[in-house]
Protein backbone atom coordinates (compact mmCIF):
# COMPACT_ATOMS: atom_id res chain seq x y z
CA MET A 1 -14.73 37.17 26.39
CA GLY A 2 -13.78 35.97 22.96
CA PHE A 3 -14.40 33.35 20.94
CA ALA A 4 -12.75 31.74 17.32
CA ARG A 5 -13.16 28.76 15.50
CA THR A 6 -11.55 26.96 12.61
CA CYS A 7 -10.60 23.46 11.27
CA SER A 8 -8.52 20.58 10.64
CA VAL A 9 -8.95 16.34 10.38
CA ALA A 10 -8.41 13.77 12.12
CA LEU A 11 -7.44 10.41 10.57
CA ILE A 12 -8.28 7.10 10.94
CA GLY A 13 -6.29 4.92 8.60
CA THR A 14 -6.71 6.78 5.47
CA GLU A 15 -10.17 8.18 6.09
CA GLY A 16 -10.40 11.67 7.22
CA VAL A 17 -13.03 13.19 9.57
CA VAL A 18 -13.15 17.07 9.84
CA VAL A 19 -13.04 18.54 13.65
CA GLU A 20 -13.97 21.81 14.16
CA ILE A 21 -11.24 23.53 16.83
CA GLN A 22 -12.71 25.99 19.00
CA ALA A 23 -11.27 28.33 21.01
CA ASP A 24 -12.93 30.30 24.10
CA LEU A 25 -11.07 33.16 26.37
CA GLU A 26 -12.36 33.93 29.24
CA PRO A 27 -11.65 36.29 32.70
CA GLY A 28 -10.04 34.51 35.20
CA VAL A 29 -7.00 32.73 36.17
CA ALA A 30 -4.41 31.97 33.19
CA ALA A 31 -5.10 28.65 32.06
CA PHE A 32 -5.04 26.15 28.78
CA THR A 33 -7.52 23.57 28.86
CA LEU A 34 -7.74 21.10 26.04
CA VAL A 35 -10.65 19.00 25.44
CA GLY A 36 -12.03 16.35 22.60
CA LEU A 37 -10.61 13.22 23.42
CA PRO A 38 -6.63 13.81 22.49
CA ASP A 39 -3.78 11.49 23.07
CA LYS A 40 -0.52 12.15 24.86
CA SER A 41 0.87 14.01 21.58
CA LEU A 42 -1.79 16.24 21.11
CA SER A 43 -2.19 17.11 25.06
CA GLU A 44 1.58 18.16 24.32
CA SER A 45 0.54 20.70 21.88
CA ARG A 46 -0.64 23.20 24.70
CA ASP A 47 3.19 23.65 25.26
CA ARG A 48 4.38 23.76 21.51
CA VAL A 49 1.82 26.20 20.83
CA ARG A 50 1.95 28.55 23.75
CA ALA A 51 5.61 28.46 22.73
CA ALA A 52 5.61 29.05 18.83
CA VAL A 53 2.97 31.91 19.16
CA VAL A 54 5.48 33.63 21.86
CA ASN A 55 8.17 32.99 19.58
CA SER A 56 6.68 34.43 16.83
CA GLY A 57 6.26 37.71 18.58
CA GLU A 58 2.78 37.44 19.74
CA THR A 59 1.10 37.94 22.97
CA TRP A 60 0.06 35.08 25.11
CA PRO A 61 -3.39 35.85 26.21
CA GLN A 62 -3.22 36.10 29.96
CA ARG A 63 -6.98 34.30 30.40
CA LYS A 64 -8.84 31.24 30.90
CA LEU A 65 -8.38 29.59 27.60
CA THR A 66 -10.30 26.56 26.70
CA VAL A 67 -9.89 24.49 23.55
CA GLY A 68 -12.27 22.09 22.22
CA LEU A 69 -12.01 19.63 19.75
CA SER A 70 -14.98 18.74 18.01
CA PRO A 71 -16.66 16.11 17.36
CA ALA A 72 -15.80 14.97 21.23
CA ALA A 73 -16.28 11.16 20.43
CA VAL A 74 -13.70 11.17 17.94
CA PRO A 75 -10.37 10.07 18.96
CA LYS A 76 -7.60 12.29 17.68
CA SER A 77 -4.03 11.96 17.83
CA GLY A 78 -0.95 13.60 16.54
CA SER A 79 0.88 16.78 16.21
CA GLY A 80 -1.22 18.14 12.94
CA PHE A 81 -3.78 20.20 15.10
CA ASP A 82 -0.94 22.38 16.43
CA LEU A 83 -1.47 25.25 13.52
CA GLY A 84 -5.07 25.22 13.90
CA ILE A 85 -5.20 25.20 17.60
CA ALA A 86 -3.10 28.20 17.21
CA LEU A 87 -4.89 29.94 14.88
CA ALA A 88 -8.06 29.39 16.79
CA THR A 89 -6.15 31.09 20.21
CA LEU A 90 -5.32 34.15 17.86
CA GLY A 91 -8.77 34.45 16.55
CA ALA A 92 -10.16 34.06 20.16
CA ALA A 93 -7.67 36.94 21.18
CA GLU A 94 -8.69 39.25 17.93
CA ARG A 95 -5.00 39.09 16.50
CA VAL A 96 -6.54 37.74 13.27
CA ALA A 97 -10.09 38.30 12.30
CA PRO A 98 -12.39 35.31 13.44
CA ASP A 99 -14.41 34.89 10.17
CA ALA A 100 -11.30 34.87 8.21
CA ILE A 101 -10.32 31.53 9.76
CA ALA A 102 -13.99 30.27 10.36
CA ASP A 103 -13.84 28.07 6.86
CA LEU A 104 -10.24 27.76 6.59
CA MET A 105 -8.66 24.23 6.96
CA VAL A 106 -5.23 24.21 8.69
CA ILE A 107 -3.11 21.14 9.39
CA GLY A 108 0.48 21.34 10.50
CA GLU A 109 2.91 21.35 13.35
CA LEU A 110 4.50 23.96 15.10
CA GLY A 111 7.95 23.81 16.26
CA LEU A 112 8.98 25.65 19.33
CA ASP A 113 10.06 28.63 17.54
CA GLY A 114 7.05 28.88 15.34
CA ARG A 115 7.95 27.11 12.37
CA VAL A 116 5.79 25.23 10.66
CA ARG A 117 6.47 21.53 10.51
CA PRO A 118 4.90 18.72 7.91
CA VAL A 119 2.77 15.66 9.11
CA ARG A 120 1.74 12.46 7.97
CA GLY A 121 -1.63 11.97 5.68
CA ILE A 122 -1.80 15.48 3.99
CA LEU A 123 -3.16 13.83 1.06
CA PRO A 124 -6.08 12.17 2.94
CA ALA A 125 -6.66 14.58 5.32
CA VAL A 126 -6.81 17.29 2.17
CA LEU A 127 -9.40 14.78 0.62
CA ALA A 128 -11.41 14.91 3.24
CA ALA A 129 -11.55 18.64 3.66
CA ALA A 130 -12.50 18.62 -0.02
CA ASP A 131 -15.31 15.94 0.39
CA ALA A 132 -16.41 17.78 3.34
CA GLY A 133 -17.13 21.31 1.10
CA TYR A 134 -13.52 23.26 2.13
CA ARG A 135 -11.94 24.96 -0.57
CA HIS A 136 -8.63 26.81 1.25
CA VAL A 137 -6.51 24.59 3.00
CA VAL A 138 -3.33 25.90 4.84
CA VAL A 139 -0.40 23.05 4.88
CA PRO A 140 3.00 23.09 5.62
CA GLU A 141 5.06 24.18 2.61
CA ARG A 142 6.92 21.24 2.39
CA THR A 143 3.88 19.22 1.69
CA ALA A 144 1.96 21.70 -0.34
CA ALA A 145 2.83 19.53 -3.82
CA GLU A 146 0.75 16.78 -2.03
CA ALA A 147 -1.98 18.41 -0.87
CA ALA A 148 -2.44 20.50 -4.52
CA LEU A 149 -3.60 16.61 -5.83
CA VAL A 150 -6.90 17.29 -4.53
CA PRO A 151 -8.81 19.04 -7.57
CA GLY A 152 -10.82 21.92 -6.60
CA VAL A 153 -8.75 23.22 -3.60
CA ALA A 154 -6.98 26.25 -3.10
CA VAL A 155 -3.75 24.90 -1.28
CA LEU A 156 -1.16 27.58 0.78
CA GLY A 157 2.16 26.56 1.43
CA ILE A 158 3.57 28.45 4.66
CA ARG A 159 7.07 28.06 6.47
CA SER A 160 6.12 29.58 9.56
CA LEU A 161 2.99 30.84 11.85
CA ARG A 162 4.54 34.32 11.20
CA GLN A 163 3.65 33.94 7.36
CA LEU A 164 0.08 32.58 8.33
CA ILE A 165 -0.35 35.65 10.74
CA ALA A 166 0.78 38.03 7.83
CA VAL A 167 -1.21 36.57 5.06
CA LEU A 168 -4.27 36.78 7.08
CA ASN A 169 -3.91 40.21 8.07
CA ASP A 170 -2.84 41.17 4.70
CA GLU A 171 0.34 42.41 5.88
CA PRO A 172 3.86 42.04 4.19
CA VAL A 173 4.75 38.26 4.55
CA PRO A 174 8.41 37.76 6.65
CA ASP A 175 11.13 35.94 4.80
CA GLU A 176 11.55 32.33 6.51
CA GLU A 177 14.22 30.06 5.70
CA PRO A 178 13.02 26.86 4.22
CA LEU A 179 13.52 23.74 6.39
CA ASP A 180 16.58 21.71 5.25
CA ASP A 181 15.60 19.37 2.75
CA ASP A 182 18.58 17.46 2.98
CA ARG A 183 18.24 16.44 6.24
CA PRO A 184 16.03 13.40 7.05
CA ASP A 185 12.88 14.96 8.89
CA PRO A 186 12.24 13.30 12.50
CA MET A 187 8.41 13.28 11.66
CA VAL A 188 8.77 11.24 8.84
CA ALA A 189 11.72 9.14 9.74
CA GLY A 190 11.53 5.26 10.35
CA LEU A 191 7.48 5.23 10.00
CA ALA A 192 7.79 2.27 7.59
CA PRO A 193 8.04 -1.13 8.53
CA PRO A 194 12.25 -2.13 8.38
CA GLY A 195 13.15 -3.76 5.06
CA THR A 196 9.61 -3.46 3.48
CA LEU A 197 10.49 -1.09 0.61
CA GLY A 198 12.41 -2.53 -2.14
CA PRO A 199 13.66 -2.25 -6.14
CA ALA A 200 10.43 -0.02 -7.06
CA ARG A 201 12.08 3.18 -5.30
CA GLY A 202 14.54 2.94 -7.61
CA ALA A 203 15.27 1.70 -11.35
CA VAL A 204 13.40 -1.42 -11.49
CA PRO A 205 15.92 -4.69 -12.64
CA ASP A 206 15.14 -5.94 -16.22
CA LEU A 207 13.65 -9.47 -16.85
CA ALA A 208 16.19 -10.04 -19.69
CA ASP A 209 18.74 -10.77 -16.82
CA VAL A 210 17.19 -14.01 -15.50
CA ALA A 211 18.58 -16.80 -17.40
CA GLY A 212 16.56 -19.71 -18.58
CA GLN A 213 13.30 -20.25 -16.15
CA ARG A 214 11.00 -20.40 -19.00
CA LEU A 215 8.19 -21.77 -17.02
CA ALA A 216 8.67 -19.26 -14.05
CA ARG A 217 9.05 -16.17 -16.30
CA LYS A 218 5.60 -17.28 -18.20
CA ALA A 219 3.88 -17.44 -14.60
CA LEU A 220 5.58 -14.05 -13.76
CA GLU A 221 3.98 -12.68 -16.96
CA VAL A 222 0.63 -14.49 -16.15
CA ALA A 223 0.63 -12.99 -12.70
CA ALA A 224 1.44 -9.54 -13.80
CA ALA A 225 -1.45 -9.86 -16.82
CA GLY A 226 -4.30 -10.91 -14.48
CA GLY A 227 -3.41 -10.02 -10.89
CA HIS A 228 -2.32 -13.52 -9.70
CA HIS A 229 -0.76 -14.55 -7.05
CA LEU A 230 2.52 -16.63 -7.19
CA HIS A 231 4.59 -19.29 -5.10
CA LEU A 232 8.10 -19.83 -6.34
CA THR A 233 9.74 -22.81 -4.86
CA GLY A 234 12.97 -24.25 -5.67
CA PRO A 235 16.98 -24.21 -4.09
CA PRO A 236 18.84 -21.51 -2.88
CA GLY A 237 20.25 -19.60 -5.86
CA ALA A 238 17.67 -20.55 -8.91
CA GLY A 239 16.36 -16.88 -9.12
CA LYS A 240 13.23 -16.93 -7.33
CA THR A 241 14.24 -13.50 -5.66
CA MET A 242 15.64 -12.23 -8.82
CA LEU A 243 11.87 -12.97 -10.54
CA ALA A 244 9.81 -11.37 -7.72
CA GLU A 245 12.14 -8.14 -8.35
CA ARG A 246 11.39 -7.77 -11.58
CA LEU A 247 7.48 -8.18 -11.38
CA THR A 248 6.69 -4.42 -10.74
CA GLY A 249 8.65 -3.63 -13.82
CA LEU A 250 5.62 -5.74 -15.91
CA LEU A 251 2.86 -4.02 -14.03
CA PRO A 252 1.20 -1.11 -15.93
CA PRO A 253 1.27 2.19 -14.39
CA LEU A 254 -1.42 3.45 -12.02
CA THR A 255 -4.39 4.88 -12.85
CA PRO A 256 -5.18 8.51 -11.56
CA GLN A 257 -7.40 6.62 -8.97
CA GLU A 258 -5.05 4.13 -8.25
CA ALA A 259 -2.43 6.38 -7.45
CA LEU A 260 -4.13 8.50 -5.02
CA GLU A 261 -5.12 5.39 -3.12
CA VAL A 262 -1.37 4.37 -2.99
CA THR A 263 -0.13 7.77 -2.41
CA ALA A 264 -2.58 7.96 0.43
CA VAL A 265 -1.43 5.00 2.10
CA HIS A 266 2.34 6.21 2.19
CA SER A 267 1.41 9.22 3.28
CA VAL A 268 -0.18 8.46 6.22
CA ALA A 269 2.96 6.13 7.19
CA GLY A 270 5.29 8.90 6.36
CA ILE A 271 7.48 7.57 3.45
CA LEU A 272 6.39 9.57 0.52
CA PRO A 273 9.85 10.02 -1.55
CA ALA A 274 11.27 13.42 -1.16
CA GLY A 275 10.06 15.14 -4.16
CA LYS A 276 7.69 13.17 -5.56
CA PRO A 277 3.82 13.62 -3.99
CA LEU A 278 2.35 10.96 -6.29
CA ILE A 279 3.20 7.50 -6.67
CA SER A 280 2.40 6.27 -10.08
CA THR A 281 4.28 3.00 -10.30
CA ALA A 282 3.26 -0.05 -8.50
CA PRO A 283 4.93 -0.38 -4.77
CA TYR A 284 7.01 -3.24 -3.96
CA CYS A 285 7.19 -4.64 -0.39
CA ALA A 286 9.67 -7.24 0.74
CA PRO A 287 9.27 -7.65 4.46
CA HIS A 288 11.95 -9.94 6.27
CA HIS A 289 10.96 -12.65 7.88
CA SER A 290 11.66 -11.49 11.21
CA ALA A 291 9.07 -8.82 11.04
CA THR A 292 5.69 -8.85 13.40
CA MET A 293 2.12 -9.12 12.94
CA PRO A 294 1.91 -5.20 13.44
CA ALA A 295 4.44 -4.64 10.40
CA ILE A 296 2.80 -6.71 8.05
CA ILE A 297 -1.09 -6.42 8.82
CA GLY A 298 -0.61 -3.02 10.17
CA GLY A 299 -1.04 -1.93 14.29
CA GLY A 300 0.89 -0.35 16.83
CA THR A 301 0.07 1.84 20.05
CA GLY A 302 -3.10 3.88 19.96
CA LEU A 303 -4.76 4.27 16.36
CA PRO A 304 -3.06 1.24 14.43
CA ARG A 305 -0.82 2.24 10.95
CA PRO A 306 -0.41 0.55 7.68
CA GLY A 307 1.48 -2.69 7.80
CA ALA A 308 3.47 -3.96 4.75
CA ILE A 309 0.04 -5.24 2.95
CA SER A 310 -0.94 -1.93 2.83
CA LEU A 311 2.12 -0.35 1.81
CA ALA A 312 2.19 -2.44 -1.31
CA HIS A 313 -1.41 -2.16 -2.18
CA ARG A 314 -1.71 -1.74 -6.07
CA GLY A 315 1.71 -3.57 -6.19
CA VAL A 316 3.62 -6.56 -5.38
CA LEU A 317 4.35 -8.24 -1.59
CA PHE A 318 7.12 -10.28 -1.73
CA LEU A 319 7.68 -12.72 1.20
CA ASP A 320 10.90 -14.19 0.64
CA GLU A 321 11.63 -17.63 2.64
CA ALA A 322 8.10 -17.52 3.00
CA PRO A 323 7.83 -20.55 5.60
CA GLU A 324 10.31 -19.02 8.30
CA PHE A 325 7.10 -16.24 8.51
CA SER A 326 5.54 -16.81 11.99
CA THR A 327 2.45 -18.98 11.13
CA GLN A 328 0.16 -16.68 12.90
CA VAL A 329 1.60 -13.50 10.09
CA LEU A 330 1.03 -16.02 7.13
CA GLU A 331 -2.93 -16.95 8.12
CA ALA A 332 -2.95 -13.59 8.79
CA LEU A 333 -2.95 -13.13 5.11
CA ARG A 334 -6.13 -15.17 3.86
CA GLN A 335 -8.79 -12.36 4.69
CA PRO A 336 -7.10 -10.04 2.74
CA LEU A 337 -6.26 -11.67 -0.11
CA GLU A 338 -9.97 -12.25 -0.42
CA SER A 339 -11.46 -9.28 0.46
CA GLY A 340 -8.75 -6.50 -0.72
CA HIS A 341 -8.80 -4.61 2.44
CA VAL A 342 -7.68 -5.36 6.09
CA VAL A 343 -9.70 -4.29 9.16
CA VAL A 344 -7.73 -3.69 12.34
CA ALA A 345 -9.67 -3.30 15.48
CA ARG A 346 -7.60 -1.66 18.72
CA ALA A 347 -9.12 -0.40 21.72
CA ALA A 348 -8.51 3.01 20.54
CA GLY A 349 -10.46 2.55 17.27
CA VAL A 350 -11.11 0.66 14.19
CA MET A 351 -8.97 1.12 10.90
CA ARG A 352 -9.75 -0.26 7.45
CA LEU A 353 -6.72 0.26 5.18
CA PRO A 354 -7.02 -1.04 1.16
CA ALA A 355 -4.62 -3.86 0.63
CA ARG A 356 -5.20 -5.08 -2.88
CA PHE A 357 -1.85 -6.54 -3.25
CA LEU A 358 -0.30 -9.25 -5.27
CA LEU A 359 1.58 -11.48 -3.32
CA VAL A 360 4.68 -13.62 -4.32
CA LEU A 361 5.80 -16.36 -1.94
CA ALA A 362 9.12 -17.92 -2.28
CA SER A 363 10.55 -20.88 -0.26
CA ASN A 364 13.24 -23.77 -0.64
CA PRO A 365 12.07 -27.33 -0.83
CA CYS A 366 13.30 -28.05 2.60
CA PRO A 367 15.55 -26.29 5.71
CA CYS A 368 18.70 -27.48 3.81
CA GLY A 369 17.23 -26.57 0.24
CA ARG A 370 18.41 -29.33 -1.69
CA HIS A 371 15.48 -31.98 -1.34
CA GLY A 372 14.49 -33.31 -4.38
CA MET A 373 17.74 -31.83 -6.29
CA ILE A 374 19.01 -33.78 -9.13
CA GLY A 375 22.87 -34.68 -7.78
CA GLY A 376 21.85 -33.12 -4.47
CA VAL A 377 22.15 -34.56 -1.21
CA CYS A 378 19.58 -33.30 1.23
CA GLU A 379 20.43 -34.05 4.87
CA CYS A 380 17.11 -33.34 6.32
CA PRO A 381 15.00 -36.13 7.97
CA ALA A 382 11.36 -36.34 6.38
CA SER A 383 9.62 -35.14 9.23
CA ALA A 384 11.40 -31.91 9.04
CA VAL A 385 10.88 -31.76 5.22
CA ARG A 386 7.13 -32.64 6.08
CA ARG A 387 7.06 -29.99 8.98
CA TYR A 388 9.00 -27.21 7.12
CA GLN A 389 6.64 -27.45 3.71
CA SER A 390 3.53 -27.59 6.20
CA ARG A 391 4.25 -24.06 7.41
CA LEU A 392 2.81 -22.77 4.10
CA SER A 393 -0.67 -24.16 5.24
CA GLY A 394 -3.18 -25.48 2.42
CA PRO A 395 -6.19 -22.42 3.21
CA LEU A 396 -3.35 -20.11 2.20
CA LEU A 397 -1.96 -21.80 -0.50
CA ASP A 398 -5.40 -22.35 -1.92
CA ARG A 399 -5.74 -18.80 -2.38
CA VAL A 400 -2.66 -18.83 -4.54
CA ASP A 401 -3.08 -19.33 -8.20
CA LEU A 402 0.05 -19.95 -9.99
CA ARG A 403 2.60 -22.29 -7.88
CA VAL A 404 5.78 -23.14 -10.01
CA THR A 405 9.06 -24.96 -9.15
CA VAL A 406 11.97 -23.20 -10.20
CA ASP A 407 14.90 -25.50 -10.87
CA PRO A 408 18.64 -24.79 -10.67
CA VAL A 409 19.86 -22.94 -14.12
CA SER A 410 22.31 -25.28 -16.22
CA ARG A 411 25.51 -24.37 -17.30
CA CYS A 412 24.41 -23.88 -20.94
CA GLU A 413 21.67 -21.55 -19.70
CA LEU A 414 23.59 -19.71 -17.77
CA LEU A 415 26.23 -18.80 -20.37
CA ASP A 416 23.13 -18.42 -23.13
CA ASP A 417 23.51 -14.90 -24.51
CA VAL A 418 21.54 -12.43 -22.41
CA GLY A 419 20.28 -10.87 -25.66
CA ASP A 420 18.10 -13.24 -26.56
CA HIS A 421 15.68 -13.26 -23.68
CA GLU A 422 12.72 -11.37 -23.91
CA THR A 423 13.04 -7.57 -21.56
CA THR A 424 10.54 -6.29 -19.16
CA ALA A 425 9.42 -3.69 -21.97
CA ASP A 426 8.58 -6.99 -24.26
CA VAL A 427 6.93 -8.98 -22.11
CA GLY A 428 5.06 -5.24 -20.18
CA ALA A 429 3.84 -4.36 -23.82
CA ARG A 430 2.03 -7.98 -23.93
CA VAL A 431 1.08 -7.72 -20.27
CA ARG A 432 -0.53 -3.78 -21.04
CA ALA A 433 -2.93 -5.40 -23.93
CA ALA A 434 -4.14 -8.32 -22.14
CA ARG A 435 -5.10 -5.96 -19.07
CA VAL A 436 -6.82 -3.92 -22.11
CA ARG A 437 -8.57 -7.06 -23.22
CA ALA A 438 -9.93 -7.57 -19.58
CA ALA A 439 -11.31 -4.09 -18.73
CA ALA A 440 -13.35 -4.15 -22.14
CA ARG A 441 -14.73 -7.53 -20.94
CA TYR A 442 -15.55 -6.02 -17.46
CA GLU A 443 -16.49 -2.58 -18.43
CA GLY A 444 -19.15 -1.27 -16.50
CA LEU A 445 -18.60 -3.94 -13.75
CA PRO A 446 -16.67 -3.74 -10.50
CA TRP A 447 -13.77 -5.79 -11.87
CA THR A 448 -10.88 -4.83 -13.54
CA THR A 449 -8.68 -8.04 -13.44
CA ASN A 450 -9.25 -11.57 -13.97
CA SER A 451 -8.32 -12.36 -10.18
CA GLU A 452 -11.04 -10.19 -9.02
CA VAL A 453 -13.93 -12.05 -10.84
CA PRO A 454 -15.72 -14.54 -8.94
CA GLY A 455 -16.06 -18.05 -10.04
CA HIS A 456 -19.77 -17.95 -10.56
CA GLU A 457 -19.42 -15.55 -12.97
CA LEU A 458 -16.79 -17.12 -14.86
CA ARG A 459 -18.62 -20.47 -15.07
CA THR A 460 -22.12 -18.76 -16.06
CA ARG A 461 -21.42 -15.13 -17.58
CA TRP A 462 -18.04 -16.09 -19.60
CA GLN A 463 -18.28 -19.71 -20.52
CA THR A 464 -14.96 -21.21 -21.87
CA ALA A 465 -15.02 -23.14 -25.16
CA ARG A 466 -16.90 -26.28 -25.49
CA GLY A 467 -14.92 -29.17 -23.24
CA ALA A 468 -11.93 -26.87 -22.35
CA ILE A 469 -12.45 -27.54 -19.14
CA ARG A 470 -12.83 -31.32 -18.91
CA ASP A 471 -9.25 -31.99 -17.25
CA VAL A 472 -9.63 -29.39 -14.97
CA GLU A 473 -13.23 -31.30 -14.03
CA ARG A 474 -11.36 -34.36 -13.59
CA GLU A 475 -8.36 -33.08 -11.62
CA MET A 476 -11.55 -32.01 -8.77
CA GLU A 477 -12.73 -35.20 -9.04
CA ARG A 478 -9.08 -36.76 -8.28
CA GLY A 479 -9.03 -34.38 -4.89
CA ARG A 480 -6.41 -32.28 -6.48
CA LEU A 481 -8.09 -29.21 -6.92
CA THR A 482 -11.07 -27.94 -4.65
CA ALA A 483 -13.55 -26.12 -5.87
CA ARG A 484 -12.24 -22.63 -5.13
CA GLY A 485 -9.11 -24.14 -7.09
CA LEU A 486 -11.16 -24.88 -10.11
CA ASP A 487 -12.20 -21.07 -10.21
CA ARG A 488 -8.91 -19.92 -9.69
CA VAL A 489 -7.36 -22.16 -12.98
CA LEU A 490 -10.78 -20.46 -14.71
CA ARG A 491 -9.12 -17.10 -13.75
CA VAL A 492 -5.59 -17.82 -14.97
CA ALA A 493 -7.57 -19.34 -18.06
CA TRP A 494 -8.96 -16.47 -19.11
CA THR A 495 -5.48 -14.25 -18.51
CA VAL A 496 -3.77 -16.85 -20.65
CA ALA A 497 -6.30 -16.46 -22.89
CA ASP A 498 -5.88 -12.50 -23.05
CA LEU A 499 -2.15 -12.74 -23.49
CA ALA A 500 -2.59 -15.01 -26.72
CA GLY A 501 -5.75 -12.55 -27.98
CA HIS A 502 -8.07 -15.28 -28.12
CA GLU A 503 -12.03 -14.66 -27.22
CA ARG A 504 -12.12 -17.05 -24.82
CA PRO A 505 -10.05 -19.69 -22.98
CA GLU A 506 -9.49 -22.88 -25.23
CA LEU A 507 -8.21 -26.25 -24.53
CA ASP A 508 -4.44 -24.87 -24.80
CA ASP A 509 -5.05 -22.11 -23.03
CA VAL A 510 -6.55 -24.29 -19.76
CA GLY A 511 -4.09 -26.99 -19.98
CA GLN A 512 -1.59 -23.83 -19.11
CA ALA A 513 -3.66 -22.87 -16.47
CA LEU A 514 -3.74 -26.03 -14.99
CA GLU A 515 -0.33 -26.65 -15.09
CA LEU A 516 0.80 -23.23 -13.63
CA ARG A 517 -1.67 -24.62 -10.60
CA THR A 518 -0.27 -28.06 -10.55
CA GLY A 519 2.59 -28.64 -12.58
CA VAL A 520 0.74 -31.14 -14.30
CA TYR A 521 0.02 -30.28 -18.32
CA ARG A 522 -3.26 -31.74 -20.26
CA GLY A 523 -3.36 -29.66 -22.91
CA VAL A 524 -1.86 -29.43 -26.46
CA PRO A 525 1.43 -30.89 -26.45
CA ALA A 526 2.94 -27.89 -28.72
CA SER A 527 2.66 -25.21 -25.35
CA VAL A 528 4.57 -24.89 -22.49
CA GLY A 529 6.51 -27.64 -21.39
CA SER A 530 5.68 -29.89 -18.27
CA THR A 531 7.34 -29.17 -14.73
CA THR A 532 6.93 -33.05 -14.21
């Protein structure tokens, strides 16, 4: 009889659970039994592991083999347990020393030829292993750089089962050809929701390319500085998409902790950029309006996968043609906008994923896009206009801090010298300075941006200048603002003050915040012009 054990990790969202892989060999009819709540793909590992061991030049034990995955109550899925199952089996057969693998964390899929292939979620899996006290991790070579992001863990990247056996037995390590990096990996291909990844993957376009749109550019700057959600409405061709695509360039680089959070989500989704294990810039996701609920919120068969709102964590989620999205999808955004995370419950388990994103909505004023345009002839009946505009519900828009009308660009603005416009670098410098001021104000508190601060704290702990919010209170009395809307105007006012270098919001700062929320400006006339 023989017994051996090693360890791997089961992922539930971006959280990992350490799983002990136990292998027991007993006399009897040759059989391979896998227990411990495996899913279909994991049950198939029996055939993959047997073929990989034999094709690696080892002898498959002709005895009764039982492999248990503990804790048995935790659902386990995926092919990342293959390497651990093979190693525990070889340990039970005494091909490798059982003591040498008992405290080893092993993650990887086996090909039938014994090659080790990459799997999704290496970073969160190694983070879970490190938290559990494991200091030695074996992963596929192509994911070794990702695993090495976790401090205090020694990472061994291997290409095949043969290499791992040689390392454990202190034998000469055979040379293996690396996997073809130029060929798409079938394990990670096509796992992102279609159409979600945008310009943040390459060079972010410059804000100087946008002609005119003074108020919209100001709204973009405020949104980036305070993390405020933004709604852009205007006719087709006015520049709504151009503005949204340039927002990620204004956001500051991710902090080390934020970078690990974002990388963990993208690792679970299997869409980390090749050769770039750590995502250090804000992500950008722009799903098509036909995207389903699982593609946006998260879900799928078995344990759910991250959706666009999680792929946009710490970055920008842009919903172009927002009224064309299904009502169910739009209303599902309300809870993540408040909490900064999403909980997806399925029969196979419950997954909690981070979803603190900056939402940008873009919409036309009506189905034909010409409603309210000077010189434009709208062909939509009044009922169609109301129905179209009501697709964005009041409760959803109440959670959006900034609402700006993007008017068509005039001929003079379009032909103006582009060099006269501020660049992304210029505006980004102001955004970073404003965020530094906010971070200093909230030092030691659970908030980093103005959009995260509860309204009660703004009204009590950090009061605005005397008389600065009288116009905001008047708008609330008139029914133009809800209680949540008042709090959000105060948050925006603090961001405007941070951009201006003021200690606290003044009358002009609150006036600009009110305009960016309602389109009505009541502050000092010398500031940003009104849209009405």
